[in-house]
Amino acid sequence: MNNEKILVCISGWGSHCQILEPLIAQCPLLAERHRIDIPWQDFVGLPDATRPAALHRYLSRETDGRTQGDKQTDVVILAWSLGCLLGLELSPELHGQAQTGRQRLILLSGTAAMCPTEEIGDRNEGEEKRANLAPYQVVKPIVLRLMQRKLQQAQNTVLRDFALHCLRDRQNDPANFVANYLEQARSFSDTPLHTDTCQALTEGLEYLIRCDLRRRLRDCPLPHPTLLFSGRRDAIIPASQSESLARLLPNSRQEFADEGHNLLLPPASGLSRHISTFLSQ
């Protein structure tokens, strides 16, 4: 039986999937696949109850005609930052459905909840033992709320500050990254559903504030092979959040680099090698 190899790309807040292209170019096992970009800005503003179905409809429409006859899909989801949450939501098992074909996830700077408001217990342990999610370094919602307010008056300043925080502990050509990020942020919302950049950015921050997949991942562990790659010096999504996500994904492997949140421009050292090894298995 033939497999149709598909690469699903989902970028992070304020960026377009072109931010993933230097990494894809370094990995032949990614570049050989038929690429589908999911514009996160078209989905983060949807109600939680309808967003997963909308994501699946979009993906089904984009793959229509490529899985005819005896073909099955071999899907790799490549996501960064905010995109990791949407990538996890694409897993049908979280919604009581069966997976068809093969699916693997590559989550860069990933989290299951950026701003959780509660601790959750492990379903296999008594109340006397807390979940293996602790210690969990929480990003305070007020930080993102302030960004939402500032977007109305000083959008470029917010985006520039965010880009600089991505590079807080990275000295490799920061001006180049900031310039590339700002260029994308000015144009990323050019889709049929979003022409207002400020609205899309605000909705993206709101999604990061309220999205918490930990309980669903705990109660319905995903079987998909997953590679988690994060920066030890990440000032946006702390490394502890990625570590907690790994413990919620039983078929995951985790790698770290001495990097910040920016793992992509240029690709972090060793990242393409880890991806190639992961996809070869």
Protein backbone atom coordinates (compact mmCIF):
# COMPACT_ATOMS: atom_id res chain seq x y z
CA MET A 1 0.00 0.00 0.00
CA ASN A 2 1.32 3.45 -0.94
CA ASN A 3 1.59 6.23 1.61
CA GLU A 4 1.07 9.87 0.73
CA LYS A 5 3.72 11.79 2.65
CA ILE A 6 2.38 15.06 4.00
CA LEU A 7 4.05 17.79 6.05
CA VAL A 8 1.68 19.98 8.05
CA CYS A 9 3.29 23.26 9.14
CA ILE A 10 1.95 25.53 11.89
CA SER A 11 3.96 28.56 12.92
CA GLY A 12 4.00 30.60 16.10
CA TRP A 13 2.33 33.82 17.18
CA GLY A 14 2.80 36.65 14.72
CA SER A 15 4.69 34.58 12.16
CA HIS A 16 4.00 32.85 8.87
CA CYS A 17 5.03 29.28 8.03
CA GLN A 18 7.90 30.67 5.96
CA ILE A 19 9.75 30.92 9.28
CA LEU A 20 10.01 27.11 9.14
CA GLU A 21 11.49 27.02 5.64
CA PRO A 22 15.22 27.22 6.55
CA LEU A 23 14.74 24.19 8.80
CA ILE A 24 12.77 22.28 6.16
CA ALA A 25 15.53 22.98 3.62
CA GLN A 26 18.06 21.37 5.97
CA CYS A 27 15.99 18.18 6.35
CA PRO A 28 15.44 16.16 3.14
CA LEU A 29 12.97 13.92 5.00
CA LEU A 30 10.81 17.01 5.54
CA ALA A 31 11.44 18.68 2.17
CA GLU A 32 10.33 15.58 0.23
CA ARG A 33 6.82 15.77 1.62
CA HIS A 34 3.77 17.55 0.21
CA ARG A 35 3.51 20.64 2.39
CA ILE A 36 0.32 22.05 3.86
CA ASP A 37 0.45 25.30 5.85
CA ILE A 38 -2.21 25.86 8.51
CA PRO A 39 -2.75 29.60 9.16
CA TRP A 40 -3.11 29.71 12.93
CA GLN A 41 -4.84 33.10 12.79
CA ASP A 42 -7.89 31.51 11.13
CA PHE A 43 -8.47 29.11 14.04
CA VAL A 44 -7.40 30.61 17.37
CA GLY A 45 -10.49 32.82 17.55
CA LEU A 46 -12.92 29.93 17.13
CA PRO A 47 -14.80 28.45 20.12
CA ASP A 48 -12.99 25.57 21.81
CA ALA A 49 -15.83 23.20 20.94
CA THR A 50 -15.65 23.83 17.19
CA ARG A 51 -11.95 24.54 16.59
CA PRO A 52 -10.76 20.89 16.32
CA ALA A 53 -13.43 20.06 13.75
CA ALA A 54 -12.55 23.20 11.78
CA LEU A 55 -8.88 22.21 11.78
CA HIS A 56 -9.72 18.74 10.49
CA ARG A 57 -12.00 20.10 7.76
CA TYR A 58 -9.24 22.41 6.60
CA LEU A 59 -6.69 19.60 6.54
CA SER A 60 -9.09 17.22 4.77
CA ARG A 61 -9.81 19.84 2.12
CA GLU A 62 -6.11 20.47 1.55
CA THR A 63 -5.34 16.76 1.21
CA ASP A 64 -8.36 16.00 -0.99
CA GLY A 65 -7.31 14.05 -4.09
CA ARG A 66 -3.99 12.97 -2.61
CA THR A 67 -5.32 9.91 -0.76
CA GLN A 68 -7.30 8.19 -3.48
CA GLY A 69 -7.23 4.46 -4.17
CA ASP A 70 -4.95 2.45 -1.92
CA LYS A 71 -3.07 5.45 -0.55
CA GLN A 72 -2.97 6.24 3.16
CA THR A 73 -1.62 9.38 4.74
CA ASP A 74 1.75 9.55 6.46
CA VAL A 75 1.49 12.89 8.23
CA VAL A 76 4.24 14.78 10.02
CA ILE A 77 3.11 17.85 11.95
CA LEU A 78 5.87 20.46 12.32
CA ALA A 79 4.88 23.22 14.72
CA TRP A 80 6.52 26.01 16.66
CA SER A 81 5.34 27.73 19.85
CA LEU A 82 1.61 28.57 19.63
CA GLY A 83 1.41 26.21 16.65
CA CYS A 84 2.23 23.28 18.96
CA LEU A 85 -1.09 23.69 20.74
CA LEU A 86 -2.99 23.57 17.44
CA GLY A 87 -0.84 20.62 16.35
CA LEU A 88 -1.89 18.72 19.47
CA GLU A 89 -5.52 19.66 18.86
CA LEU A 90 -5.26 18.03 15.43
CA SER A 91 -4.93 14.64 17.15
CA PRO A 92 -8.33 12.96 16.74
CA GLU A 93 -7.85 10.83 19.87
CA LEU A 94 -8.32 13.94 22.02
CA HIS A 95 -11.85 14.19 20.65
CA GLY A 96 -12.89 10.56 20.88
CA GLN A 97 -12.07 9.69 17.27
CA ALA A 98 -9.79 7.08 15.74
CA GLN A 99 -6.65 8.03 13.85
CA THR A 100 -6.43 6.93 10.23
CA GLY A 101 -3.03 6.57 8.63
CA ARG A 102 0.22 7.46 10.37
CA GLN A 103 0.89 10.63 12.32
CA ARG A 104 4.04 11.98 13.95
CA LEU A 105 4.61 15.29 15.68
CA ILE A 106 7.64 17.56 15.82
CA LEU A 107 6.93 20.24 18.43
CA LEU A 108 9.41 23.10 18.78
CA SER A 109 9.21 25.21 21.94
CA GLY A 110 6.02 23.35 22.81
CA THR A 111 3.63 23.46 25.74
CA ALA A 112 0.29 21.99 26.77
CA ALA A 113 -0.68 25.15 28.66
CA MET A 114 1.17 28.45 28.69
CA CYS A 115 -0.94 30.18 31.36
CA PRO A 116 -2.63 27.42 33.41
CA THR A 117 -4.80 28.58 36.28
CA GLU A 118 -4.87 25.30 38.21
CA GLU A 119 -2.79 22.27 39.01
CA ILE A 120 -4.11 18.91 37.92
CA GLY A 121 -3.63 15.55 39.56
CA ASP A 122 -2.43 12.41 37.86
CA ARG A 123 -5.29 10.01 37.21
CA ASN A 124 -3.17 7.04 38.29
CA GLU A 125 -2.17 8.53 41.61
CA GLY A 126 -4.16 9.37 44.72
CA GLU A 127 -4.88 12.89 45.84
CA GLU A 128 -1.91 12.62 48.19
CA LYS A 129 0.48 12.69 45.22
CA ARG A 130 0.45 15.64 42.89
CA ALA A 131 0.74 15.33 39.15
CA ASN A 132 4.13 14.87 37.60
CA LEU A 133 3.59 18.30 36.07
CA ALA A 134 5.25 20.12 38.94
CA PRO A 135 7.34 22.22 39.12
CA TYR A 136 5.60 24.16 36.37
CA GLN A 137 6.78 27.65 35.53
CA VAL A 138 3.62 29.55 34.63
CA VAL A 139 3.51 32.56 32.34
CA LYS A 140 1.20 35.01 34.12
CA PRO A 141 -1.87 35.93 32.04
CA ILE A 142 -1.38 39.59 32.95
CA VAL A 143 1.75 39.64 30.78
CA LEU A 144 -0.25 38.67 27.69
CA ARG A 145 -3.14 40.97 28.70
CA LEU A 146 -0.75 43.90 28.71
CA MET A 147 0.48 42.89 25.27
CA GLN A 148 -3.12 42.86 24.04
CA ARG A 149 -3.68 46.39 25.30
CA LYS A 150 -0.42 47.70 23.86
CA LEU A 151 -1.20 46.23 20.44
CA GLN A 152 -3.91 48.84 20.01
CA GLN A 153 -1.46 51.73 20.33
CA ALA A 154 2.01 50.40 19.51
CA GLN A 155 1.79 47.21 17.49
CA ASN A 156 5.33 47.36 16.08
CA THR A 157 6.78 47.96 19.55
CA VAL A 158 5.01 44.88 20.94
CA LEU A 159 6.23 42.73 18.07
CA ARG A 160 9.78 44.03 18.33
CA ASP A 161 9.87 43.44 22.09
CA PHE A 162 8.56 39.91 21.58
CA ALA A 163 11.20 39.18 18.95
CA LEU A 164 13.94 40.47 21.24
CA HIS A 165 12.68 38.24 24.06
CA CYS A 166 12.97 35.31 21.67
CA LEU A 167 16.66 36.22 21.45
CA ARG A 168 17.31 37.10 25.06
CA ASP A 169 20.01 34.48 25.41
CA ARG A 170 21.00 34.22 21.78
CA GLN A 171 23.67 36.42 20.24
CA ASN A 172 23.60 35.03 16.70
CA ASP A 173 22.70 37.95 14.44
CA PRO A 174 19.73 39.29 16.48
CA ALA A 175 19.09 42.18 14.08
CA ASN A 176 18.50 39.73 11.24
CA PHE A 177 15.97 37.71 13.22
CA VAL A 178 14.08 40.78 14.42
CA ALA A 179 13.90 42.19 10.88
CA ASN A 180 12.65 38.87 9.49
CA TYR A 181 10.10 38.45 12.26
CA LEU A 182 8.71 41.97 11.86
CA GLU A 183 8.41 41.51 8.10
CA GLN A 184 6.32 38.39 8.64
CA ALA A 185 4.22 39.96 11.37
CA ARG A 186 3.18 42.76 9.05
CA SER A 187 1.92 40.34 6.40
CA PHE A 188 0.99 37.09 8.13
CA SER A 189 -2.71 37.94 8.45
CA ASP A 190 -3.28 38.25 4.72
CA THR A 191 -5.83 35.42 4.50
CA PRO A 192 -9.48 35.35 3.42
CA LEU A 193 -10.59 35.31 7.07
CA HIS A 194 -8.17 37.89 8.47
CA THR A 195 -7.04 41.17 7.02
CA ASP A 196 -6.76 42.90 10.41
CA THR A 197 -3.33 42.12 11.87
CA CYS A 198 -4.12 43.61 15.28
CA GLN A 199 -7.28 41.52 15.66
CA ALA A 200 -5.47 38.31 14.71
CA LEU A 201 -2.58 39.02 17.10
CA THR A 202 -5.02 39.79 19.92
CA GLU A 203 -6.94 36.57 19.30
CA GLY A 204 -3.68 34.63 19.26
CA LEU A 205 -2.75 35.98 22.69
CA GLU A 206 -6.22 35.17 24.01
CA TYR A 207 -5.80 31.58 22.77
CA LEU A 208 -2.47 31.30 24.58
CA ILE A 209 -4.07 32.59 27.78
CA ARG A 210 -7.01 30.17 27.85
CA CYS A 211 -5.80 27.04 26.06
CA ASP A 212 -5.00 24.21 28.49
CA LEU A 213 -4.68 20.72 27.01
CA ARG A 214 -3.08 19.05 30.05
CA ARG A 215 -6.20 17.36 31.38
CA ARG A 216 -7.19 16.00 27.97
CA LEU A 217 -3.67 14.74 27.32
CA ARG A 218 -3.55 13.14 30.75
CA ASP A 219 -6.90 11.38 30.33
CA CYS A 220 -6.32 10.39 26.71
CA PRO A 221 -2.60 9.83 26.12
CA LEU A 222 -1.65 10.26 22.48
CA PRO A 223 0.03 7.26 20.83
CA HIS A 224 1.83 9.25 18.14
CA PRO A 225 5.62 9.33 18.10
CA THR A 226 6.57 12.86 19.11
CA LEU A 227 9.82 14.79 19.07
CA LEU A 228 9.99 17.72 21.49
CA PHE A 229 12.80 20.20 20.94
CA SER A 230 13.16 23.25 23.17
CA GLY A 231 15.65 25.87 24.31
CA ARG A 232 16.98 25.67 27.84
CA ARG A 233 17.11 29.49 27.85
CA ASP A 234 13.60 30.03 26.46
CA ALA A 235 12.16 33.22 27.97
CA ILE A 236 8.75 32.84 26.25
CA ILE A 237 7.76 29.23 26.97
CA PRO A 238 9.87 27.99 29.89
CA ALA A 239 11.69 24.68 29.47
CA SER A 240 9.73 23.26 32.43
CA GLN A 241 6.55 23.46 30.35
CA SER A 242 8.13 21.34 27.63
CA GLU A 243 9.32 18.85 30.24
CA SER A 244 5.79 18.57 31.61
CA LEU A 245 4.42 18.10 28.10
CA ALA A 246 6.87 15.24 27.54
CA ARG A 247 5.53 13.47 30.62
CA LEU A 248 2.02 13.72 29.18
CA LEU A 249 3.07 12.17 25.87
CA PRO A 250 4.05 8.54 26.49
CA ASN A 251 5.59 8.04 23.03
CA SER A 252 7.74 11.16 23.05
CA ARG A 253 11.43 11.91 23.11
CA GLN A 254 12.81 15.22 24.27
CA GLU A 255 15.86 17.18 23.22
CA PHE A 256 17.19 20.53 24.40
CA ALA A 257 19.56 23.08 22.95
CA ASP A 258 21.35 25.95 24.65
CA GLU A 259 19.01 28.38 22.92
CA GLY A 260 16.15 30.75 23.56
CA HIS A 261 12.68 30.69 21.99
CA ASN A 262 14.01 31.26 18.50
CA LEU A 263 14.99 27.83 17.21
CA LEU A 264 14.41 28.66 13.54
CA LEU A 265 16.29 31.68 12.18
CA PRO A 266 18.78 30.16 11.80
CA PRO A 267 17.83 26.60 12.80
CA ALA A 268 19.23 25.64 16.17
CA SER A 269 22.39 23.55 16.24
CA GLY A 270 21.56 19.85 16.06
CA LEU A 271 17.87 20.36 15.33
CA SER A 272 17.89 19.03 11.77
CA ARG A 273 19.97 16.04 12.87
CA HIS A 274 17.49 15.15 15.62
CA ILE A 275 14.59 15.47 13.19
CA SER A 276 16.28 13.26 10.60
CA THR A 277 16.98 10.60 13.22
CA PHE A 278 13.42 10.78 14.51
CA LEU A 279 11.85 10.42 11.05
CA SER A 280 14.19 7.58 10.09
CA GLN A 281 13.00 5.37 12.92
